[in-house]
Amino acid sequence: MNPRIFVVISLIICLSGFAASASCKLAGNDPPCGEVTIGEVLNSITLWSQGGMDVTGVLHLINSWSDPLHYPPEFVPEPQDWILENGTRISTGVSPALYRLADGRLRMYITGMGGISSYISSDGLNFSSEKTDVLPEGINGEVFRLSDGRYRIIYNAVEGWHGPPEERRFYFISAVSVDGLNFVPEEGVRFRSQGAPDYDAISVPDIVNLSDGRLRMYYTGDMFAPAFGRNGNNVRSAVSFDEGLTWQREEGARLAFTSMDPEIVVTPEGKYRMYYTANPGDDVEAGQRIYSAFSDDGLDFTYETEVLSSGNPGIRYMDPVITEIPEGYRMYYSEATGEPGGEETKIKSAVWKIR
């Protein structure tokens, strides 16, 4: 007998007996064991027996059917499960930002020598240049949709770019667009944090929608802290009540240790996972890596684990952004090689599959 067929028969027998005794922990659900039905489980086993589904996906469906409290049918990736994908997504640039279009295509905004430009992809792996001058003077953009259908981008403005750290000023300004490509700068400054704790050096915004209608922006604060012997280069946040026109800084740091380039994933339960860039043990010679932290409220984050590392101090990973794909989740990140300030950069990706 084919080994797969034998396993299928065995699983069906076990599940048939288990169906009567399974104790579901979400009272009142219909079906009683959550969103996954026994039929879906059996179909997945059949697909696996025919080579059409990975066994990990089958086991997840079984767990989701029998114990949905601990194995919800949809959940965010666990940090240790990210796998690097082969190839390069975009051959130059840093600080990617994503926007999923209505037709399913993925638009990526990146920062390069010519400011912010955009790329487009139908499969999330192969990107083509779309517009090279989205914002020629902009860096580190974050794009979101307004209630009137327009797009707003929050991005860095810089004063004293070529001067020493004590003369540089980084703050956020904005622009709006009807198509997500042709942006018109808005007047004024969106957010500036002078003096302690950010010392006029904020960068790399990431914006999420809160359940009460506000926006929360996570950002890198006090970027040049190490140059001045301060222990302040970490992720902080601000909130907006008017779709990003004005912001109020929230007290404290979201991470109480050196961290930058935040990317937030909100779980189905309303929890928060942050992916961020840091040097292990603040050792700048070890090379930047991507880590994760977790929070119940989006304010107090606890370190989880290292997520991605090249294993080579000369190859640094930073700027993570995440999107959902049919198989699970994909992370895009910047890879930098060479000395800081003269490095070569590219956009690469990693994937976490749950289906």
Foldseek 3Di string as FASTA:
>chain_A
DPPLVVVLVVVVVVVVVVVVVQDADDPPDVVGQADQDPVNLSVQSVCVSVVNDDVLLSVLSVCCRRYVVVRPPAWADDQAQWFFDDDFAFQFFFQWEWDQDPVGKIKIWGQDQQAIFIWIGNAVRHTDGDGDPQPRQWHQWYWDADPVQKIKIKTWDWDPVVHPPLRIAIFIFMWIGNPVRRTDTDDDGADADPDPPQNRDKHNWDWDADPVGKIKIKIFGNCCQVVVVHFRGAIFIWIDPHRRRHTGTDDDHQDSGHWGQWEWDQIPVRWIKIKTWAAVVNPLQQAIFIFMWIGRHSRHTHGDGTRDDPRDNQKHWGNWYWDADPQGIKIKIKIWGDDPPPTGIGITMIDRGND
